[in-house]
Amino acid sequence: DPIVYDEAITLIEEHHLAGRDVVVVSSSGVEVV
């Protein structure tokens, strides 16, 4: 929670408002992601 970039959250919100799906793509394990 404390290490999420504010700018990233704003972009995620912007894409959702534009009707786009947001997909997180990470090499970390699914149990974490």
PDB file of all heavy atoms in Angstrom:
ATOM      1  N   ASP A   1       0.812  -1.224   0.000  1.00  0.00           N
ATOM      2  CA  ASP A   1       0.000   0.000   0.000  1.00  0.00           C
ATOM      3  C   ASP A   1       0.847   1.276   0.000  1.00  0.00           C
ATOM      4  O   ASP A   1       0.592   2.194  -0.791  1.00  0.00           O
ATOM      5  CB  ASP A   1      -0.950  -0.029   1.212  1.00  0.00           C
ATOM      6  CG  ASP A   1      -2.010   1.064   1.149  1.00  0.00           C
ATOM      7  OD1 ASP A   1      -1.642   2.234   0.986  1.00  0.00           O
ATOM      8  OD2 ASP A   1      -3.199   0.734   1.269  1.00  0.00           O
ATOM      9  N   PRO A   2       1.897   1.385   0.839  1.00  0.00           N
ATOM     10  CA  PRO A   2       2.634   2.662   0.894  1.00  0.00           C
ATOM     11  C   PRO A   2       3.597   2.895  -0.265  1.00  0.00           C
ATOM     12  O   PRO A   2       4.167   3.974  -0.361  1.00  0.00           O
ATOM     13  CB  PRO A   2       3.424   2.543   2.216  1.00  0.00           C
ATOM     14  CG  PRO A   2       2.847   1.376   2.946  1.00  0.00           C
ATOM     15  CD  PRO A   2       2.339   0.460   1.897  1.00  0.00           C
ATOM     16  N   ILE A   3       3.817   1.894  -1.136  1.00  0.00           N
ATOM     17  CA  ILE A   3       4.852   2.049  -2.171  1.00  0.00           C
ATOM     18  C   ILE A   3       4.269   2.087  -3.583  1.00  0.00           C
ATOM     19  O   ILE A   3       4.987   1.920  -4.559  1.00  0.00           O
ATOM     20  CB  ILE A   3       5.914   0.932  -2.074  1.00  0.00           C
ATOM     21  CG1 ILE A   3       5.273  -0.452  -2.261  1.00  0.00           C
ATOM     22  CG2 ILE A   3       6.675   1.023  -0.758  1.00  0.00           C
ATOM     23  CD1 ILE A   3       6.300  -1.576  -2.341  1.00  0.00           C
ATOM     24  N   VAL A   4       2.973   2.339  -3.698  1.00  0.00           N
ATOM     25  CA  VAL A   4       2.344   2.480  -5.011  1.00  0.00           C
ATOM     26  C   VAL A   4       2.556   3.907  -5.510  1.00  0.00           C
ATOM     27  O   VAL A   4       2.359   4.876  -4.774  1.00  0.00           O
ATOM     28  CB  VAL A   4       0.837   2.169  -4.927  1.00  0.00           C
ATOM     29  CG1 VAL A   4       0.180   2.372  -6.289  1.00  0.00           C
ATOM     30  CG2 VAL A   4       0.608   0.746  -4.443  1.00  0.00           C
ATOM     31  N   TYR A   5       2.973   4.042  -6.762  1.00  0.00           N
ATOM     32  CA  TYR A   5       3.192   5.373  -7.318  1.00  0.00           C
ATOM     33  C   TYR A   5       1.862   6.078  -7.586  1.00  0.00           C
ATOM     34  O   TYR A   5       0.975   5.527  -8.243  1.00  0.00           O
ATOM     35  CB  TYR A   5       3.974   5.292  -8.626  1.00  0.00           C
ATOM     36  CG  TYR A   5       5.445   5.023  -8.460  1.00  0.00           C
ATOM     37  CD1 TYR A   5       6.041   3.917  -9.057  1.00  0.00           C
ATOM     38  CD2 TYR A   5       6.250   5.883  -7.717  1.00  0.00           C
ATOM     39  CE1 TYR A   5       7.400   3.667  -8.931  1.00  0.00           C
ATOM     40  CE2 TYR A   5       7.613   5.638  -7.574  1.00  0.00           C
ATOM     41  CZ  TYR A   5       8.183   4.533  -8.177  1.00  0.00           C
ATOM     42  OH  TYR A   5       9.527   4.297  -8.036  1.00  0.00           O
ATOM     43  N   ASP A   6       1.756   7.293  -7.075  1.00  0.00           N
ATOM     44  CA  ASP A   6       0.562   8.105  -7.292  1.00  0.00           C
ATOM     45  C   ASP A   6       0.315   8.324  -8.783  1.00  0.00           C
ATOM     46  O   ASP A   6      -0.826   8.277  -9.259  1.00  0.00           O
ATOM     47  CB  ASP A   6       0.739   9.450  -6.577  1.00  0.00           C
ATOM     48  CG  ASP A   6      -0.518  10.303  -6.608  1.00  0.00           C
ATOM     49  OD1 ASP A   6      -1.608   9.758  -6.375  1.00  0.00           O
ATOM     50  OD2 ASP A   6      -0.415  11.500  -6.865  1.00  0.00           O
ATOM     51  N   GLU A   7       1.386   8.556  -9.534  1.00  0.00           N
ATOM     52  CA  GLU A   7       1.252   8.797 -10.967  1.00  0.00           C
ATOM     53  C   GLU A   7       0.692   7.573 -11.688  1.00  0.00           C
ATOM     54  O   GLU A   7      -0.083   7.706 -12.651  1.00  0.00           O
ATOM     55  CB  GLU A   7       2.611   9.169 -11.575  1.00  0.00           C
ATOM     56  CG  GLU A   7       3.240  10.425 -10.995  1.00  0.00           C
ATOM     57  CD  GLU A   7       4.208  10.129  -9.858  1.00  0.00           C
ATOM     58  OE1 GLU A   7       4.059   9.079  -9.192  1.00  0.00           O
ATOM     59  OE2 GLU A   7       5.112  10.954  -9.631  1.00  0.00           O
ATOM     60  N   ALA A   8       1.081   6.379 -11.223  1.00  0.00           N
ATOM     61  CA  ALA A   8       0.580   5.149 -11.843  1.00  0.00           C
ATOM     62  C   ALA A   8      -0.911   4.986 -11.588  1.00  0.00           C
ATOM     63  O   ALA A   8      -1.666   4.587 -12.490  1.00  0.00           O
ATOM     64  CB  ALA A   8       1.348   3.942 -11.311  1.00  0.00           C
ATOM     65  N   ILE A   9      -1.337   5.276 -10.365  1.00  0.00           N
ATOM     66  CA  ILE A   9      -2.762   5.167 -10.041  1.00  0.00           C
ATOM     67  C   ILE A   9      -3.584   6.143 -10.871  1.00  0.00           C
ATOM     68  O   ILE A   9      -4.673   5.815 -11.355  1.00  0.00           O
ATOM     69  CB  ILE A   9      -2.996   5.404  -8.539  1.00  0.00           C
ATOM     70  CG1 ILE A   9      -2.269   4.336  -7.718  1.00  0.00           C
ATOM     71  CG2 ILE A   9      -4.487   5.376  -8.218  1.00  0.00           C
ATOM     72  CD1 ILE A   9      -2.640   2.919  -8.057  1.00  0.00           C
ATOM     73  N   THR A  10      -3.064   7.349 -11.060  1.00  0.00           N
ATOM     74  CA  THR A  10      -3.758   8.331 -11.896  1.00  0.00           C
ATOM     75  C   THR A  10      -3.908   7.810 -13.325  1.00  0.00           C
ATOM     76  O   THR A  10      -4.971   7.944 -13.942  1.00  0.00           O
ATOM     77  CB  THR A  10      -3.005   9.669 -11.896  1.00  0.00           C
ATOM     78  OG1 THR A  10      -2.971  10.189 -10.563  1.00  0.00           O
ATOM     79  CG2 THR A  10      -3.674  10.679 -12.814  1.00  0.00           C
ATOM     80  N   LEU A  11      -2.854   7.200 -13.853  1.00  0.00           N
ATOM     81  CA  LEU A  11      -2.922   6.643 -15.203  1.00  0.00           C
ATOM     82  C   LEU A  11      -3.933   5.501 -15.294  1.00  0.00           C
ATOM     83  O   LEU A  11      -4.681   5.392 -16.272  1.00  0.00           O
ATOM     84  CB  LEU A  11      -1.545   6.139 -15.629  1.00  0.00           C
ATOM     85  CG  LEU A  11      -0.687   7.082 -16.468  1.00  0.00           C
ATOM     86  CD1 LEU A  11       0.647   6.431 -16.784  1.00  0.00           C
ATOM     87  CD2 LEU A  11      -1.390   7.475 -17.749  1.00  0.00           C
ATOM     88  N   ILE A  12      -3.945   4.642 -14.267  1.00  0.00           N
ATOM     89  CA  ILE A  12      -4.907   3.543 -14.238  1.00  0.00           C
ATOM     90  C   ILE A  12      -6.326   4.091 -14.262  1.00  0.00           C
ATOM     91  O   ILE A  12      -7.195   3.602 -15.001  1.00  0.00           O
ATOM     92  CB  ILE A  12      -4.662   2.650 -13.010  1.00  0.00           C
ATOM     93  CG1 ILE A  12      -3.373   1.836 -13.194  1.00  0.00           C
ATOM     94  CG2 ILE A  12      -5.847   1.709 -12.762  1.00  0.00           C
ATOM     95  CD1 ILE A  12      -2.930   1.074 -11.961  1.00  0.00           C
ATOM     96  N   GLU A  13      -6.572   5.133 -13.469  1.00  0.00           N
ATOM     97  CA  GLU A  13      -7.895   5.756 -13.450  1.00  0.00           C
ATOM     98  C   GLU A  13      -8.241   6.338 -14.816  1.00  0.00           C
ATOM     99  O   GLU A  13      -9.374   6.203 -15.305  1.00  0.00           O
ATOM    100  CB  GLU A  13      -7.928   6.861 -12.383  1.00  0.00           C
ATOM    101  CG  GLU A  13      -7.846   6.342 -10.966  1.00  0.00           C
ATOM    102  CD  GLU A  13      -7.503   7.440  -9.969  1.00  0.00           C
ATOM    103  OE1 GLU A  13      -7.267   8.589 -10.411  1.00  0.00           O
ATOM    104  OE2 GLU A  13      -7.470   7.156  -8.768  1.00  0.00           O
ATOM    105  N   GLU A  14      -7.260   6.985 -15.428  1.00  0.00           N
ATOM    106  CA  GLU A  14      -7.491   7.601 -16.739  1.00  0.00           C
ATOM    107  C   GLU A  14      -7.879   6.544 -17.773  1.00  0.00           C
ATOM    108  O   GLU A  14      -8.826   6.738 -18.554  1.00  0.00           O
ATOM    109  CB  GLU A  14      -6.240   8.337 -17.189  1.00  0.00           C
ATOM    110  CG  GLU A  14      -6.382   8.970 -18.565  1.00  0.00           C
ATOM    111  CD  GLU A  14      -5.043   9.350 -19.168  1.00  0.00           C
ATOM    112  OE1 GLU A  14      -4.034   9.313 -18.436  1.00  0.00           O
ATOM    113  OE2 GLU A  14      -5.024   9.668 -20.359  1.00  0.00           O
ATOM    114  N   HIS A  15      -7.170   5.435 -17.777  1.00  0.00           N
ATOM    115  CA  HIS A  15      -7.464   4.380 -18.750  1.00  0.00           C
ATOM    116  C   HIS A  15      -8.843   3.772 -18.499  1.00  0.00           C
ATOM    117  O   HIS A  15      -9.580   3.486 -19.454  1.00  0.00           O
ATOM    118  CB  HIS A  15      -6.379   3.307 -18.709  1.00  0.00           C
ATOM    119  CG  HIS A  15      -5.103   3.725 -19.381  1.00  0.00           C
ATOM    120  ND1 HIS A  15      -5.044   4.090 -20.713  1.00  0.00           N
ATOM    121  CD2 HIS A  15      -3.835   3.856 -18.903  1.00  0.00           C
ATOM    122  CE1 HIS A  15      -3.799   4.411 -21.031  1.00  0.00           C
ATOM    123  NE2 HIS A  15      -3.056   4.279 -19.947  1.00  0.00           N
ATOM    124  N   HIS A  16      -9.195   3.582 -17.252  1.00  0.00           N
ATOM    125  CA  HIS A  16     -10.533   3.066 -16.953  1.00  0.00           C
ATOM    126  C   HIS A  16     -11.611   4.045 -17.421  1.00  0.00           C
ATOM    127  O   HIS A  16     -12.634   3.642 -17.987  1.00  0.00           O
ATOM    128  CB  HIS A  16     -10.669   2.790 -15.457  1.00  0.00           C
ATOM    129  CG  HIS A  16     -10.196   1.433 -15.060  1.00  0.00           C
ATOM    130  ND1 HIS A  16      -9.673   1.147 -13.813  1.00  0.00           N
ATOM    131  CD2 HIS A  16     -10.177   0.250 -15.737  1.00  0.00           C
ATOM    132  CE1 HIS A  16      -9.351  -0.133 -13.753  1.00  0.00           C
ATOM    133  NE2 HIS A  16      -9.640  -0.690 -14.910  1.00  0.00           N
ATOM    134  N   LEU A  17     -11.391   5.335 -17.191  1.00  0.00           N
ATOM    135  CA  LEU A  17     -12.365   6.334 -17.629  1.00  0.00           C
ATOM    136  C   LEU A  17     -12.493   6.364 -19.148  1.00  0.00           C
ATOM    137  O   LEU A  17     -13.560   6.682 -19.688  1.00  0.00           O
ATOM    138  CB  LEU A  17     -11.961   7.721 -17.116  1.00  0.00           C
ATOM    139  CG  LEU A  17     -12.254   7.988 -15.634  1.00  0.00           C
ATOM    140  CD1 LEU A  17     -11.564   9.262 -15.176  1.00  0.00           C
ATOM    141  CD2 LEU A  17     -13.753   8.090 -15.394  1.00  0.00           C
ATOM    142  N   ALA A  18     -11.416   6.006 -19.839  1.00  0.00           N
ATOM    143  CA  ALA A  18     -11.443   5.949 -21.302  1.00  0.00           C
ATOM    144  C   ALA A  18     -12.031   4.643 -21.810  1.00  0.00           C
ATOM    145  O   ALA A  18     -12.117   4.443 -23.027  1.00  0.00           O
ATOM    146  CB  ALA A  18     -10.030   6.138 -21.851  1.00  0.00           C
ATOM    147  N   GLY A  19     -12.434   3.754 -20.883  1.00  0.00           N
ATOM    148  CA  GLY A  19     -13.058   2.500 -21.274  1.00  0.00           C
ATOM    149  C   GLY A  19     -12.091   1.377 -21.568  1.00  0.00           C
ATOM    150  O   GLY A  19     -12.485   0.351 -22.147  1.00  0.00           O
ATOM    151  N   ARG A  20     -10.827   1.547 -21.198  1.00  0.00           N
ATOM    152  CA  ARG A  20      -9.842   0.497 -21.452  1.00  0.00           C
ATOM    153  C   ARG A  20      -9.726  -0.454 -20.267  1.00  0.00           C
ATOM    154  O   ARG A  20      -9.821  -0.032 -19.111  1.00  0.00           O
ATOM    155  CB  ARG A  20      -8.457   1.106 -21.719  1.00  0.00           C
ATOM    156  CG  ARG A  20      -8.413   2.034 -22.902  1.00  0.00           C
ATOM    157  CD  ARG A  20      -7.002   2.542 -23.180  1.00  0.00           C
ATOM    158  NE  ARG A  20      -7.083   3.613 -24.184  1.00  0.00           N
ATOM    159  CZ  ARG A  20      -7.054   4.900 -23.904  1.00  0.00           C
ATOM    160  NH1 ARG A  20      -6.894   5.306 -22.637  1.00  0.00           N
ATOM    161  NH2 ARG A  20      -7.167   5.790 -24.850  1.00  0.00           N
ATOM    162  N   ASP A  21      -9.480  -1.722 -20.556  1.00  0.00           N
ATOM    163  CA  ASP A  21      -9.116  -2.665 -19.510  1.00  0.00           C
ATOM    164  C   ASP A  21      -7.691  -2.365 -19.047  1.00  0.00           C
ATOM    165  O   ASP A  21      -6.844  -1.950 -19.847  1.00  0.00           O
ATOM    166  CB  ASP A  21      -9.184  -4.105 -20.016  1.00  0.00           C
ATOM    167  CG  ASP A  21     -10.594  -4.654 -20.038  1.00  0.00           C
ATOM    168  OD1 ASP A  21     -11.523  -3.926 -19.631  1.00  0.00           O
ATOM    169  OD2 ASP A  21     -10.768  -5.812 -20.465  1.00  0.00           O
ATOM    170  N   VAL A  22      -7.432  -2.584 -17.768  1.00  0.00           N
ATOM    171  CA  VAL A  22      -6.088  -2.446 -17.215  1.00  0.00           C
ATOM    172  C   VAL A  22      -5.568  -3.834 -16.853  1.00  0.00           C
ATOM    173  O   VAL A  22      -6.232  -4.584 -16.132  1.00  0.00           O
ATOM    174  CB  VAL A  22      -6.085  -1.529 -15.978  1.00  0.00           C
ATOM    175  CG1 VAL A  22      -4.741  -1.585 -15.263  1.00  0.00           C
ATOM    176  CG2 VAL A  22      -6.412  -0.092 -16.386  1.00  0.00           C
ATOM    177  N   VAL A  23      -4.397  -4.160 -17.377  1.00  0.00           N
ATOM    178  CA  VAL A  23      -3.811  -5.482 -17.176  1.00  0.00           C
ATOM    179  C   VAL A  23      -2.436  -5.317 -16.529  1.00  0.00           C
ATOM    180  O   VAL A  23      -1.576  -4.616 -17.070  1.00  0.00           O
ATOM    181  CB  VAL A  23      -3.667  -6.244 -18.509  1.00  0.00           C
ATOM    182  CG1 VAL A  23      -3.141  -7.664 -18.265  1.00  0.00           C
ATOM    183  CG2 VAL A  23      -5.004  -6.288 -19.259  1.00  0.00           C
ATOM    184  N   VAL A  24      -2.232  -5.942 -15.377  1.00  0.00           N
ATOM    185  CA  VAL A  24      -0.923  -5.953 -14.730  1.00  0.00           C
ATOM    186  C   VAL A  24      -0.139  -7.153 -15.245  1.00  0.00           C
ATOM    187  O   VAL A  24      -0.632  -8.283 -15.218  1.00  0.00           O
ATOM    188  CB  VAL A  24      -1.056  -6.027 -13.194  1.00  0.00           C
ATOM    189  CG1 VAL A  24       0.307  -6.227 -12.542  1.00  0.00           C
ATOM    190  CG2 VAL A  24      -1.702  -4.751 -12.666  1.00  0.00           C
ATOM    191  N   VAL A  25       1.078  -6.912 -15.719  1.00  0.00           N
ATOM    192  CA  VAL A  25       1.913  -7.954 -16.316  1.00  0.00           C
ATOM    193  C   VAL A  25       3.220  -8.006 -15.540  1.00  0.00           C
ATOM    194  O   VAL A  25       4.007  -7.060 -15.578  1.00  0.00           O
ATOM    195  CB  VAL A  25       2.190  -7.661 -17.803  1.00  0.00           C
ATOM    196  CG1 VAL A  25       2.906  -8.835 -18.450  1.00  0.00           C
ATOM    197  CG2 VAL A  25       0.895  -7.346 -18.549  1.00  0.00           C
ATOM    198  N   SER A  26       3.455  -9.105 -14.828  1.00  0.00           N
ATOM    199  CA  SER A  26       4.621  -9.151 -13.924  1.00  0.00           C
ATOM    200  C   SER A  26       5.263 -10.523 -13.922  1.00  0.00           C
ATOM    201  O   SER A  26       4.589 -11.551 -14.018  1.00  0.00           O
ATOM    202  CB  SER A  26       4.185  -8.794 -12.494  1.00  0.00           C
ATOM    203  OG  SER A  26       5.257  -8.948 -11.592  1.00  0.00           O
ATOM    204  N   SER A  27       6.592 -10.533 -13.771  1.00  0.00           N
ATOM    205  CA  SER A  27       7.315 -11.794 -13.663  1.00  0.00           C
ATOM    206  C   SER A  27       7.228 -12.372 -12.254  1.00  0.00           C
ATOM    207  O   SER A  27       7.677 -13.492 -12.016  1.00  0.00           O
ATOM    208  CB  SER A  27       8.787 -11.604 -14.053  1.00  0.00           C
ATOM    209  OG  SER A  27       9.389 -10.614 -13.250  1.00  0.00           O
ATOM    210  N   SER A  28       6.671 -11.627 -11.308  1.00  0.00           N
ATOM    211  CA  SER A  28       6.448 -12.168  -9.965  1.00  0.00           C
ATOM    212  C   SER A  28       5.351 -13.232 -10.013  1.00  0.00           C
ATOM    213  O   SER A  28       4.584 -13.315 -10.973  1.00  0.00           O
ATOM    214  CB  SER A  28       6.052 -11.054  -8.995  1.00  0.00           C
ATOM    215  OG  SER A  28       7.122 -10.169  -8.767  1.00  0.00           O
ATOM    216  N   GLY A  29       5.277 -14.023  -8.958  1.00  0.00           N
ATOM    217  CA  GLY A  29       4.327 -15.131  -8.918  1.00  0.00           C
ATOM    218  C   GLY A  29       2.888 -14.661  -8.818  1.00  0.00           C
ATOM    219  O   GLY A  29       2.600 -13.598  -8.264  1.00  0.00           O
ATOM    220  N   VAL A  30       1.985 -15.482  -9.342  1.00  0.00           N
ATOM    221  CA  VAL A  30       0.570 -15.128  -9.373  1.00  0.00           C
ATOM    222  C   VAL A  30       0.015 -14.918  -7.970  1.00  0.00           C
ATOM    223  O   VAL A  30      -0.885 -14.098  -7.773  1.00  0.00           O
ATOM    224  CB  VAL A  30      -0.235 -16.208 -10.135  1.00  0.00           C
ATOM    225  CG1 VAL A  30      -0.195 -17.553  -9.406  1.00  0.00           C
ATOM    226  CG2 VAL A  30      -1.666 -15.765 -10.365  1.00  0.00           C
ATOM    227  N   GLU A  31       0.561 -15.633  -6.980  1.00  0.00           N
ATOM    228  CA  GLU A  31       0.054 -15.496  -5.617  1.00  0.00           C
ATOM    229  C   GLU A  31       0.345 -14.103  -5.039  1.00  0.00           C
ATOM    230  O   GLU A  31      -0.347 -13.660  -4.126  1.00  0.00           O
ATOM    231  CB  GLU A  31       0.675 -16.563  -4.706  1.00  0.00           C
ATOM    232  CG  GLU A  31       0.194 -17.967  -4.985  1.00  0.00           C
ATOM    233  CD  GLU A  31       0.896 -18.604  -6.168  1.00  0.00           C
ATOM    234  OE1 GLU A  31       1.914 -18.024  -6.642  1.00  0.00           O
ATOM    235  OE2 GLU A  31       0.448 -19.664  -6.642  1.00  0.00           O
ATOM    236  N   VAL A  32       1.371 -13.449  -5.566  1.00  0.00           N
ATOM    237  CA  VAL A  32       1.682 -12.070  -5.159  1.00  0.00           C
ATOM    238  C   VAL A  32       0.974 -11.065  -6.059  1.00  0.00           C
ATOM    239  O   VAL A  32       0.404 -10.083  -5.585  1.00  0.00           O
ATOM    240  CB  VAL A  32       3.211 -11.835  -5.191  1.00  0.00           C
ATOM    241  CG1 VAL A  32       3.537 -10.353  -5.004  1.00  0.00           C
ATOM    242  CG2 VAL A  32       3.896 -12.663  -4.110  1.00  0.00           C
ATOM    243  N   VAL A  33       0.999 -11.311  -7.357  1.00  0.00           N
ATOM    244  CA  VAL A  33       0.487 -10.331  -8.326  1.00  0.00           C
ATOM    245  C   VAL A  33      -1.038 -10.222  -8.275  1.00  0.00           C
ATOM    246  O   VAL A  33      -1.592  -9.123  -8.390  1.00  0.00           O
ATOM    247  CB  VAL A  33       0.948 -10.702  -9.748  1.00  0.00           C
ATOM    248  CG1 VAL A  33       0.399  -9.707 -10.773  1.00  0.00           C
ATOM    249  CG2 VAL A  33       2.466 -10.735  -9.818  1.00  0.00           C
TER     250      VAL A  33
END
